[in-house]
Every structure is written in C-alpha cells, then in structure tokens.
Amino acid sequence: MSAPFTGPARGLGFEFYRGALAAFQEERRQHPYALPPVHLQCRDDRYNPLETLRNTIRFLEDNVFCLFGYVGTPTTLRVLPLLARNESSAMTLLFPFTGSSALRTGPYAGQLAHMRASYLDEAEALVEQAVATGRRRIAVFYQADSFGRSGWESVRQALARRGLDIYAEAAYLRDDSMDSEYTAAVARIAPAGKEPPDAIVCVGLYCPTAGFIRDARKAGLQSLMVTMSIVDSDNLLLHLRREGERTGMDLTRNLVGVQVVPSYEDQRLPAVRAYRQAMERVAAPSPVPDRAEDYTPLRYSMVGLEGYLAAQLLLEALRRMDKDIRPERLREVLRTMDDFDLGINAPLHVSASALVGVQQVYFTEFQKDRVVPLQQWPGFAP
C-alpha cells in the first residue's frame, strides 16, 4: 500500500490502512487457519506521484502479491504505465481510493479492480439532488491536477445532461493546506455584483476544503457546500470544528457530504456493525514507523470503513482461490464476485472495465461531532 502517511493528506492513508488492518486482524482472530496470514506492507508517498512510483518499483522488486489501497488519482495514474510494462507478472492494483474515470477506461483499465462508485456516479447523484431542490447555479472548487479535473468534468457532464453549465469555478494547488488563504478563490466563485451560486461542489482534500469553507463563510457566502467522497468527511469535520471554535463561526452548517460507502452510524447494516466491532479491537501500529508524524486516529471514519470493505473483498477473493493462491489468478477470481454480499445492501457490479465495484452513492450531514446519514437535503431559499 502506497499512500500519504505524512503531510496534510495523511488522514486518508492512516484511516484506510486502519480499516483494512482491522479486517485482516479480525479474519485471523476468527478463522486462524482458514487463509495464509495477510501482511500489509506500507510505504509513505506524501501524496506525491513520484514517491508513489518509487514505492511501486520497490514493491515489484519485493514480489508482493498485489498492490492495494493506493490513495489519489495523480498518484495512481503515475504507476499504471509501469504496471502495464510488467504485465507478464499479472500484478493487479486493488481498490484505489479514487473515482477517476481515467482509471476505469483506456489502455490501463485492466490493471485495476475498483470497489467504489466513480466520480461520474457521485456527480450525477449530487447534481440530481441539487437541481431537484431548486439549485441551478452550481459552482465547483477543485484541486488543480488530474484528480480535480476529473471531478470537475464529472460535474460538468452531469449539469450538461440537464441543460446547465458550471456557474463559476476556482482551483487550488495540491500542496495548499488549511493555513493557505482562499479569499481569491471565493472571489472567483462569487464575484461582487453577480448572483452567488446556489451550491458549490468541493472536489478536494479535507485541509484545503476546510480552509475554503472557512474563507467563504467569513466573506458572507452562504451557498450550500457539497463535498465529494475523497474529502474525508471525518477529518474535514474535525478541522471545521476546531476552526469554528477559533473564529466563533458555525462552519458545518449547510454542508452535505457525498459518500461511496454507507455511514458508519447506520448499524442496521451487518458490515457496519462488523466494522465498528473490529475497530474496537484493532491493534494498529504506525504504518511507517520510520516517518513518525503526529496524527490522532479516529474511532470510526468513512475512509476507514472503505478500507475495511476493500480488505473484505480481498479476503473473499483469497477464499475463492482455495489452495491455489497465486497473483495471476486474482483478476480471474474477481470476475466471479458479482454474487458476493459485502453486507451493505448494495450489489457488486462486475464488468470488463471495472472488475469489482459498488456503484451506490450515499449522502451524509454533520451533526456536532458525527457524520450521519442525511435525512433530507437542506431547503432552498432563493
């Protein structure tokens, strides 16, 4: 697993890792002899594509069984030509934390297996709800790279299907943080003398998104904020609460999150109950002890739940291999998994371009210190 374990995006890597590790440890606790032990080897890439490439070369030199849980579009895209060049090794990249269409189509699509809905799925669902609640002026705040443009294009396509266009837009740089200033981005999205957007879709990571929301609210912009799944809603909530306490503003009001897994508060679902129980028992050492950096793990998180479900899919693939567990069989076995129930009441989808996938999209809202299922989209006052 190559992921950011240091830097401003480290929450994504840590929480996906902790959720996956909880699933692997629980498998060994409940069925100690059913499968060979799974060892999750981690390397820090700091959300830097070149570091991801270096890490992947080392993984291939180590003859790992598969690549798993890479975080981000630009990082994952950077390693695909390398995997294609080494296709004879049948190396598969499982369940990256990204919904980019560029990873699901084209010459390298066969090197990956996906678990999550795409950004196109997310954009279609959020635009449908935004328009249904009277919001037609929809702006986009996005990261200025392949990830951000993929989300931007997904929103543009969803709007175009309804005869609409992106109302306004602004971008930020990948290295921007919570402490960066976003007043210029706010001014581009809501310039003086122009009607403000009805909704702003944020295609970004939690630190810059939190900074943008802070500066937008400080400027008096009250538009509905909608974050896509990559944001990491739980760490976003943590940053917004801290900044709200510092500034005296309620920064979680009028904020909706789009998710690709159900809320960890929805304990009607068997997988959610199992995830919560596993997280109570997980023993999660630092994934990269040589690069120690302060990070306080979350008890539960949407990213952690995604990591847990991704690990469950890998474990099921290993079970279906029976005694013949070989990397070159992995894609073949994944194509048989359309009958597998993850325990979230959402069917798997198997196709040539997406070996395994859950296309369901969910909405959440923020209540105090929790991310909970959205009961109803906020009303709209023109």
Protein backbone atom coordinates (compact mmCIF):
# COMPACT_ATOMS: atom_id res chain seq x y z
CA MET A 1 0.00 0.00 0.00
CA SER A 2 1.45 3.33 -1.10
CA ALA A 3 -0.41 6.25 0.49
CA PRO A 4 0.13 9.58 2.25
CA PHE A 5 1.11 8.83 5.84
CA THR A 6 2.77 12.20 6.36
CA GLY A 7 1.75 15.66 5.22
CA PRO A 8 -1.67 17.34 5.09
CA ALA A 9 -3.42 14.35 3.43
CA ARG A 10 -2.12 11.78 5.92
CA GLY A 11 -5.57 11.18 7.40
CA LEU A 12 -6.62 9.44 4.17
CA GLY A 13 -3.74 6.99 4.30
CA PHE A 14 -3.96 6.35 8.03
CA GLU A 15 -7.71 5.71 8.14
CA PHE A 16 -7.82 3.48 5.03
CA TYR A 17 -4.89 1.50 6.48
CA ARG A 18 -6.51 1.15 9.90
CA GLY A 19 -9.81 -0.04 8.45
CA ALA A 20 -8.10 -2.60 6.22
CA LEU A 21 -5.85 -3.81 9.03
CA ALA A 22 -8.88 -4.26 11.29
CA ALA A 23 -10.43 -6.59 8.70
CA PHE A 24 -7.24 -8.63 8.28
CA GLN A 25 -6.73 -8.95 12.05
CA GLU A 26 -10.35 -9.94 12.58
CA GLU A 27 -10.01 -12.69 9.95
CA ARG A 28 -7.01 -14.15 11.78
CA ARG A 29 -8.81 -13.91 15.13
CA GLN A 30 -11.98 -15.64 13.96
CA HIS A 31 -10.51 -18.08 11.41
CA PRO A 32 -6.83 -18.51 12.31
CA TYR A 33 -6.15 -21.38 9.90
CA ALA A 34 -8.53 -20.65 7.00
CA LEU A 35 -6.12 -18.47 5.00
CA PRO A 36 -2.43 -17.65 4.98
CA PRO A 37 -1.79 -14.52 7.05
CA VAL A 38 -2.09 -11.25 5.13
CA HIS A 39 0.80 -8.84 5.69
CA LEU A 40 0.02 -5.24 4.73
CA GLN A 41 3.31 -3.60 3.73
CA CYS A 42 3.05 0.20 3.65
CA ARG A 43 5.18 2.96 2.16
CA ASP A 44 4.62 6.68 2.51
CA ASP A 45 4.27 8.71 -0.69
CA ARG A 46 3.18 12.03 0.87
CA TYR A 47 0.58 12.26 -1.95
CA ASN A 48 3.47 12.81 -4.38
CA PRO A 49 3.21 10.83 -7.65
CA LEU A 50 6.98 10.42 -7.99
CA GLU A 51 7.18 8.93 -4.49
CA THR A 52 4.33 6.60 -5.42
CA LEU A 53 6.28 5.45 -8.46
CA ARG A 54 9.40 4.80 -6.38
CA ASN A 55 7.37 2.85 -3.82
CA THR A 56 5.75 0.75 -6.52
CA ILE A 57 9.10 -0.15 -8.07
CA ARG A 58 10.23 -1.40 -4.66
CA PHE A 59 7.01 -3.38 -4.22
CA LEU A 60 7.53 -5.06 -7.57
CA GLU A 61 11.13 -5.84 -6.66
CA ASP A 62 9.83 -7.44 -3.44
CA ASN A 63 7.44 -9.65 -5.45
CA VAL A 64 4.37 -8.63 -3.45
CA PHE A 65 1.12 -10.49 -4.09
CA CYS A 66 -0.81 -7.37 -5.13
CA LEU A 67 -0.96 -3.59 -4.76
CA PHE A 68 -3.74 -2.35 -2.52
CA GLY A 69 -5.48 0.84 -1.43
CA TYR A 70 -3.41 3.45 -3.25
CA VAL A 71 -4.70 6.92 -2.37
CA GLY A 72 -5.39 9.52 -5.04
CA THR A 73 -5.80 9.99 -8.78
CA PRO A 74 -2.44 11.60 -9.72
CA THR A 75 -0.52 9.07 -7.62
CA THR A 76 -2.32 6.03 -9.03
CA LEU A 77 -2.16 7.29 -12.61
CA ARG A 78 1.60 7.69 -12.33
CA VAL A 79 2.23 3.97 -11.76
CA LEU A 80 -0.08 2.49 -14.41
CA PRO A 81 2.43 2.58 -17.32
CA LEU A 82 4.86 0.73 -15.05
CA LEU A 83 2.28 -1.98 -14.30
CA ALA A 84 1.40 -2.31 -17.98
CA ARG A 85 5.07 -2.74 -18.85
CA ASN A 86 5.29 -5.52 -16.27
CA GLU A 87 2.01 -7.13 -17.28
CA SER A 88 3.65 -10.54 -17.52
CA SER A 89 3.78 -10.54 -13.71
CA ALA A 90 -0.04 -10.20 -13.61
CA MET A 91 0.25 -7.53 -10.94
CA THR A 92 -3.14 -6.03 -10.03
CA LEU A 93 -3.80 -2.79 -8.17
CA LEU A 94 -6.80 -3.38 -5.93
CA PHE A 95 -9.36 -0.83 -4.80
CA PRO A 96 -7.58 2.54 -5.08
CA PHE A 97 -9.10 5.43 -3.14
CA THR A 98 -10.20 7.39 -6.20
CA GLY A 99 -13.21 7.52 -8.52
CA SER A 100 -11.47 8.97 -11.57
CA SER A 101 -12.78 7.87 -14.96
CA ALA A 102 -9.22 7.88 -16.28
CA LEU A 103 -8.56 4.79 -14.16
CA ARG A 104 -11.65 2.95 -15.39
CA THR A 105 -11.25 3.36 -19.14
CA GLY A 106 -8.36 3.35 -21.58
CA PRO A 107 -5.32 1.16 -22.03
CA TYR A 108 -4.56 0.60 -18.34
CA ALA A 109 -8.03 -0.15 -17.00
CA GLY A 110 -7.37 -3.89 -16.91
CA GLN A 111 -4.58 -3.44 -14.35
CA LEU A 112 -7.00 -2.32 -11.64
CA ALA A 113 -10.01 -3.51 -9.70
CA HIS A 114 -12.33 -0.91 -8.15
CA MET A 115 -14.62 -1.12 -5.17
CA ARG A 116 -16.10 2.38 -5.06
CA ALA A 117 -18.50 4.33 -7.26
CA SER A 118 -16.90 6.68 -9.78
CA TYR A 119 -16.81 10.46 -9.65
CA LEU A 120 -19.33 10.35 -12.51
CA ASP A 121 -21.70 8.39 -10.24
CA GLU A 122 -21.16 10.87 -7.42
CA ALA A 123 -21.64 13.93 -9.63
CA GLU A 124 -24.80 12.54 -11.19
CA ALA A 125 -26.33 11.86 -7.78
CA LEU A 126 -25.41 15.22 -6.24
CA VAL A 127 -26.45 17.30 -9.26
CA GLU A 128 -29.76 15.44 -9.43
CA GLN A 129 -30.50 16.31 -5.80
CA ALA A 130 -29.25 19.88 -6.11
CA VAL A 131 -31.46 20.60 -9.12
CA ALA A 132 -34.43 18.81 -7.53
CA THR A 133 -34.18 21.18 -4.55
CA GLY A 134 -34.15 24.27 -6.79
CA ARG A 135 -30.42 24.81 -7.15
CA ARG A 136 -29.33 25.53 -10.72
CA ARG A 137 -26.36 27.86 -10.22
CA ILE A 138 -23.74 25.26 -9.29
CA ALA A 139 -20.07 26.21 -8.90
CA VAL A 140 -17.01 23.98 -8.48
CA PHE A 141 -13.96 24.38 -6.23
CA TYR A 142 -11.34 21.81 -7.23
CA GLN A 143 -7.74 20.68 -6.96
CA ALA A 144 -5.62 21.77 -9.92
CA ASP A 145 -4.48 18.37 -11.17
CA SER A 146 -5.82 15.19 -12.78
CA PHE A 147 -7.93 14.39 -9.72
CA GLY A 148 -9.58 17.80 -9.55
CA ARG A 149 -10.20 17.97 -13.28
CA SER A 150 -11.76 14.51 -13.22
CA GLY A 151 -14.25 15.68 -10.59
CA TRP A 152 -14.77 18.96 -12.44
CA GLU A 153 -15.51 17.11 -15.69
CA SER A 154 -17.90 14.74 -13.91
CA VAL A 155 -19.91 17.68 -12.55
CA ARG A 156 -19.84 19.39 -15.96
CA GLN A 157 -21.25 16.30 -17.64
CA ALA A 158 -23.98 15.86 -15.03
CA LEU A 159 -25.01 19.51 -15.46
CA ALA A 160 -24.91 19.28 -19.27
CA ARG A 161 -27.39 16.40 -19.18
CA ARG A 162 -29.80 18.88 -17.59
CA GLY A 163 -29.08 21.75 -19.96
CA LEU A 164 -26.87 23.55 -17.43
CA ASP A 165 -23.22 24.56 -17.23
CA ILE A 166 -20.79 25.17 -14.38
CA TYR A 167 -21.80 28.55 -12.98
CA ALA A 168 -18.36 29.54 -11.64
CA GLU A 169 -15.14 27.81 -10.69
CA ALA A 170 -11.88 28.18 -8.80
CA ALA A 171 -8.93 25.88 -8.21
CA TYR A 172 -6.27 25.38 -5.55
CA LEU A 173 -2.80 23.81 -5.71
CA ARG A 174 -2.18 20.27 -4.48
CA ASP A 175 0.24 21.49 -1.79
CA ASP A 176 -2.17 24.06 -0.34
CA SER A 177 -3.15 23.49 3.29
CA MET A 178 -5.63 24.61 5.91
CA ASP A 179 -3.45 27.65 6.59
CA SER A 180 -3.48 28.79 2.96
CA GLU A 181 -5.65 31.76 2.02
CA TYR A 182 -8.65 31.10 -0.23
CA THR A 183 -10.14 34.58 -0.47
CA ALA A 184 -9.17 34.84 -4.16
CA ALA A 185 -10.93 31.53 -4.87
CA VAL A 186 -14.03 32.77 -3.03
CA ALA A 187 -13.98 35.98 -5.11
CA ARG A 188 -13.80 34.00 -8.36
CA ILE A 189 -16.72 31.81 -7.38
CA ALA A 190 -18.84 34.66 -6.03
CA PRO A 191 -17.65 37.93 -7.60
CA ALA A 192 -19.18 41.19 -6.44
CA GLY A 193 -22.24 42.24 -8.42
CA LYS A 194 -23.10 38.71 -9.52
CA GLU A 195 -25.69 36.35 -8.05
CA PRO A 196 -23.92 33.91 -5.73
CA PRO A 197 -24.04 30.20 -6.60
CA ASP A 198 -26.83 28.11 -5.13
CA ALA A 199 -24.38 25.29 -4.39
CA ILE A 200 -20.62 24.80 -4.50
CA VAL A 201 -19.21 21.34 -5.19
CA CYS A 202 -15.84 20.85 -3.49
CA VAL A 203 -13.55 18.40 -5.28
CA GLY A 204 -10.64 18.43 -2.88
CA LEU A 205 -8.93 17.03 0.19
CA TYR A 206 -10.00 17.91 3.71
CA CYS A 207 -7.38 20.57 4.59
CA PRO A 208 -7.85 22.92 1.60
CA THR A 209 -11.60 22.27 1.56
CA ALA A 210 -11.85 23.28 5.22
CA GLY A 211 -9.81 26.42 4.51
CA PHE A 212 -12.03 27.32 1.56
CA ILE A 213 -15.24 26.83 3.57
CA ARG A 214 -13.81 29.00 6.36
CA ASP A 215 -12.93 31.86 4.00
CA ALA A 216 -16.23 31.56 2.10
CA ARG A 217 -18.28 31.81 5.27
CA LYS A 218 -16.09 34.62 6.55
CA ALA A 219 -16.87 36.50 3.33
CA GLY A 220 -20.60 36.00 3.95
CA LEU A 221 -21.12 33.37 1.23
CA GLN A 222 -23.92 31.10 2.50
CA SER A 223 -24.27 28.75 -0.51
CA LEU A 224 -24.78 25.04 0.13
CA MET A 225 -21.40 23.28 0.22
CA VAL A 226 -21.29 19.74 -1.20
CA THR A 227 -18.12 17.69 -0.73
CA MET A 228 -17.25 14.64 -2.82
CA SER A 229 -16.16 11.41 -1.16
CA ILE A 230 -12.40 11.95 -1.50
CA VAL A 231 -12.56 14.82 1.00
CA ASP A 232 -12.51 12.53 4.09
CA SER A 233 -15.59 13.87 5.86
CA ASP A 234 -14.45 12.91 9.36
CA ASN A 235 -11.15 14.77 9.23
CA LEU A 236 -12.97 17.64 7.49
CA LEU A 237 -15.41 17.78 10.40
CA LEU A 238 -12.52 17.79 12.87
CA HIS A 239 -10.83 20.71 11.11
CA LEU A 240 -14.06 22.69 10.72
CA ARG A 241 -14.95 22.27 14.39
CA ARG A 242 -11.51 23.46 15.51
CA GLU A 243 -11.60 26.41 13.13
CA GLY A 244 -15.18 27.18 14.16
CA GLU A 245 -14.14 27.32 17.81
CA ARG A 246 -11.28 29.64 16.91
CA THR A 247 -13.36 32.00 14.76
CA GLY A 248 -16.72 31.73 16.52
CA MET A 249 -18.44 30.59 13.30
CA ASP A 250 -20.59 27.52 12.63
CA LEU A 251 -18.70 26.06 9.68
CA THR A 252 -20.62 22.78 9.46
CA ARG A 253 -23.97 24.40 8.69
CA ASN A 254 -25.41 23.96 5.19
CA LEU A 255 -22.88 21.25 4.35
CA VAL A 256 -23.59 17.90 2.65
CA GLY A 257 -21.14 15.08 2.00
CA VAL A 258 -21.32 12.63 -0.91
CA GLN A 259 -20.04 9.17 0.07
CA VAL A 260 -19.33 5.85 -1.66
CA VAL A 261 -19.88 3.76 1.48
CA PRO A 262 -22.77 3.99 3.95
CA SER A 263 -22.43 5.93 7.17
CA TYR A 264 -20.71 4.06 9.99
CA GLU A 265 -23.65 5.23 12.11
CA ASP A 266 -26.07 3.03 10.12
CA GLN A 267 -25.92 -0.04 12.34
CA ARG A 268 -28.81 -1.70 10.51
CA LEU A 269 -26.16 -2.92 8.06
CA PRO A 270 -24.20 -6.07 9.02
CA ALA A 271 -20.92 -4.76 7.57
CA VAL A 272 -21.18 -1.56 9.58
CA ARG A 273 -21.73 -3.49 12.80
CA ALA A 274 -18.77 -5.74 11.99
CA TYR A 275 -16.57 -2.73 11.15
CA ARG A 276 -17.34 -1.00 14.43
CA GLN A 277 -16.63 -4.16 16.41
CA ALA A 278 -13.36 -4.72 14.55
CA MET A 279 -12.24 -1.13 15.19
CA GLU A 280 -12.75 -1.64 18.92
CA ARG A 281 -10.21 -4.49 18.82
CA VAL A 282 -7.73 -3.38 16.16
CA ALA A 283 -4.08 -3.15 17.11
CA ALA A 284 -2.78 -0.69 14.52
CA PRO A 285 0.90 0.21 14.76
CA SER A 286 2.18 3.09 12.68
CA PRO A 287 2.23 2.04 9.02
CA VAL A 288 5.56 3.84 8.55
CA PRO A 289 7.38 3.95 11.93
CA ASP A 290 10.47 5.49 10.30
CA ARG A 291 8.42 8.57 9.34
CA ALA A 292 6.62 9.28 12.57
CA GLU A 293 4.34 12.31 12.47
CA ASP A 294 1.62 13.40 14.87
CA TYR A 295 -1.76 12.01 13.89
CA THR A 296 -4.65 11.17 16.19
CA PRO A 297 -6.57 8.19 14.77
CA LEU A 298 -10.34 8.44 14.54
CA ARG A 299 -12.52 5.90 16.32
CA TYR A 300 -14.61 5.40 13.17
CA SER A 301 -14.40 7.07 9.77
CA MET A 302 -15.89 6.86 6.30
CA VAL A 303 -12.40 6.31 4.86
CA GLY A 304 -11.74 3.60 7.44
CA LEU A 305 -14.98 1.85 6.54
CA GLU A 306 -13.96 1.91 2.88
CA GLY A 307 -10.60 0.36 3.79
CA TYR A 308 -12.39 -2.32 5.83
CA LEU A 309 -14.74 -3.21 2.96
CA ALA A 310 -11.85 -3.26 0.47
CA ALA A 311 -9.99 -5.71 2.71
CA GLN A 312 -13.10 -7.88 2.97
CA LEU A 313 -13.24 -8.08 -0.83
CA LEU A 314 -9.61 -9.16 -0.98
CA LEU A 315 -10.20 -11.79 1.71
CA GLU A 316 -13.16 -13.18 -0.22
CA ALA A 317 -11.01 -13.41 -3.36
CA LEU A 318 -8.40 -15.37 -1.41
CA ARG A 319 -11.08 -17.74 -0.11
CA ARG A 320 -12.29 -18.39 -3.64
CA MET A 321 -8.76 -19.29 -4.69
CA ASP A 322 -8.93 -22.19 -2.24
CA LYS A 323 -5.46 -23.73 -2.05
CA ASP A 324 -4.24 -22.24 -5.32
CA ILE A 325 -3.40 -18.70 -4.21
CA ARG A 326 -1.40 -17.04 -6.98
CA PRO A 327 -1.26 -13.39 -8.18
CA GLU A 328 -2.06 -14.37 -11.77
CA ARG A 329 -5.41 -15.83 -10.65
CA LEU A 330 -6.58 -12.67 -8.91
CA ARG A 331 -8.35 -10.95 -11.81
CA GLU A 332 -9.98 -14.20 -12.88
CA VAL A 333 -11.39 -14.72 -9.38
CA LEU A 334 -12.54 -11.12 -9.05
CA ARG A 335 -14.70 -11.60 -12.13
CA THR A 336 -16.70 -14.24 -10.21
CA MET A 337 -17.62 -11.95 -7.33
CA ASP A 338 -20.85 -10.40 -8.59
CA ASP A 339 -22.70 -12.73 -6.21
CA PHE A 340 -20.79 -11.58 -3.12
CA ASP A 341 -22.66 -9.65 -0.42
CA LEU A 342 -20.48 -7.12 1.39
CA GLY A 343 -23.17 -6.58 3.99
CA ILE A 344 -24.10 -3.04 2.93
CA ASN A 345 -27.23 -3.87 0.93
CA ALA A 346 -25.61 -2.81 -2.36
CA PRO A 347 -24.81 -5.30 -5.12
CA LEU A 348 -21.37 -5.66 -6.63
CA HIS A 349 -21.02 -4.80 -10.31
CA VAL A 350 -18.59 -6.74 -12.48
CA SER A 351 -17.66 -5.65 -16.00
CA ALA A 352 -14.65 -5.64 -18.28
CA SER A 353 -13.72 -2.09 -17.26
CA ALA A 354 -14.45 -2.37 -13.53
CA LEU A 355 -13.63 -5.82 -12.23
CA VAL A 356 -15.44 -5.27 -8.94
CA GLY A 357 -17.46 -2.25 -7.93
CA VAL A 358 -20.22 -0.88 -5.74
CA GLN A 359 -21.96 1.90 -7.63
CA GLN A 360 -24.18 3.03 -4.76
CA VAL A 361 -23.84 6.66 -3.64
CA TYR A 362 -24.83 7.95 -0.19
CA PHE A 363 -25.34 11.39 1.37
CA THR A 364 -24.31 12.48 4.85
CA GLU A 365 -24.53 15.57 7.01
CA PHE A 366 -22.66 16.87 10.02
CA GLN A 367 -24.20 16.77 13.49
CA LYS A 368 -21.98 18.01 16.29
CA ASP A 369 -19.04 15.56 16.25
CA ARG A 370 -20.55 12.93 13.94
CA VAL A 371 -21.06 12.27 10.25
CA VAL A 372 -24.56 10.84 9.97
CA PRO A 373 -26.88 9.76 7.12
CA LEU A 374 -28.62 12.72 5.51
CA GLN A 375 -32.36 12.61 6.12
CA GLN A 376 -33.31 15.41 3.74
CA TRP A 377 -31.42 17.85 1.57
CA PRO A 378 -31.43 21.36 3.06
CA GLY A 379 -34.29 23.53 1.85
CA PHE A 380 -33.58 26.21 -0.67
CA ALA A 381 -34.45 29.88 -0.24
CA PRO A 382 -33.92 31.84 -3.48
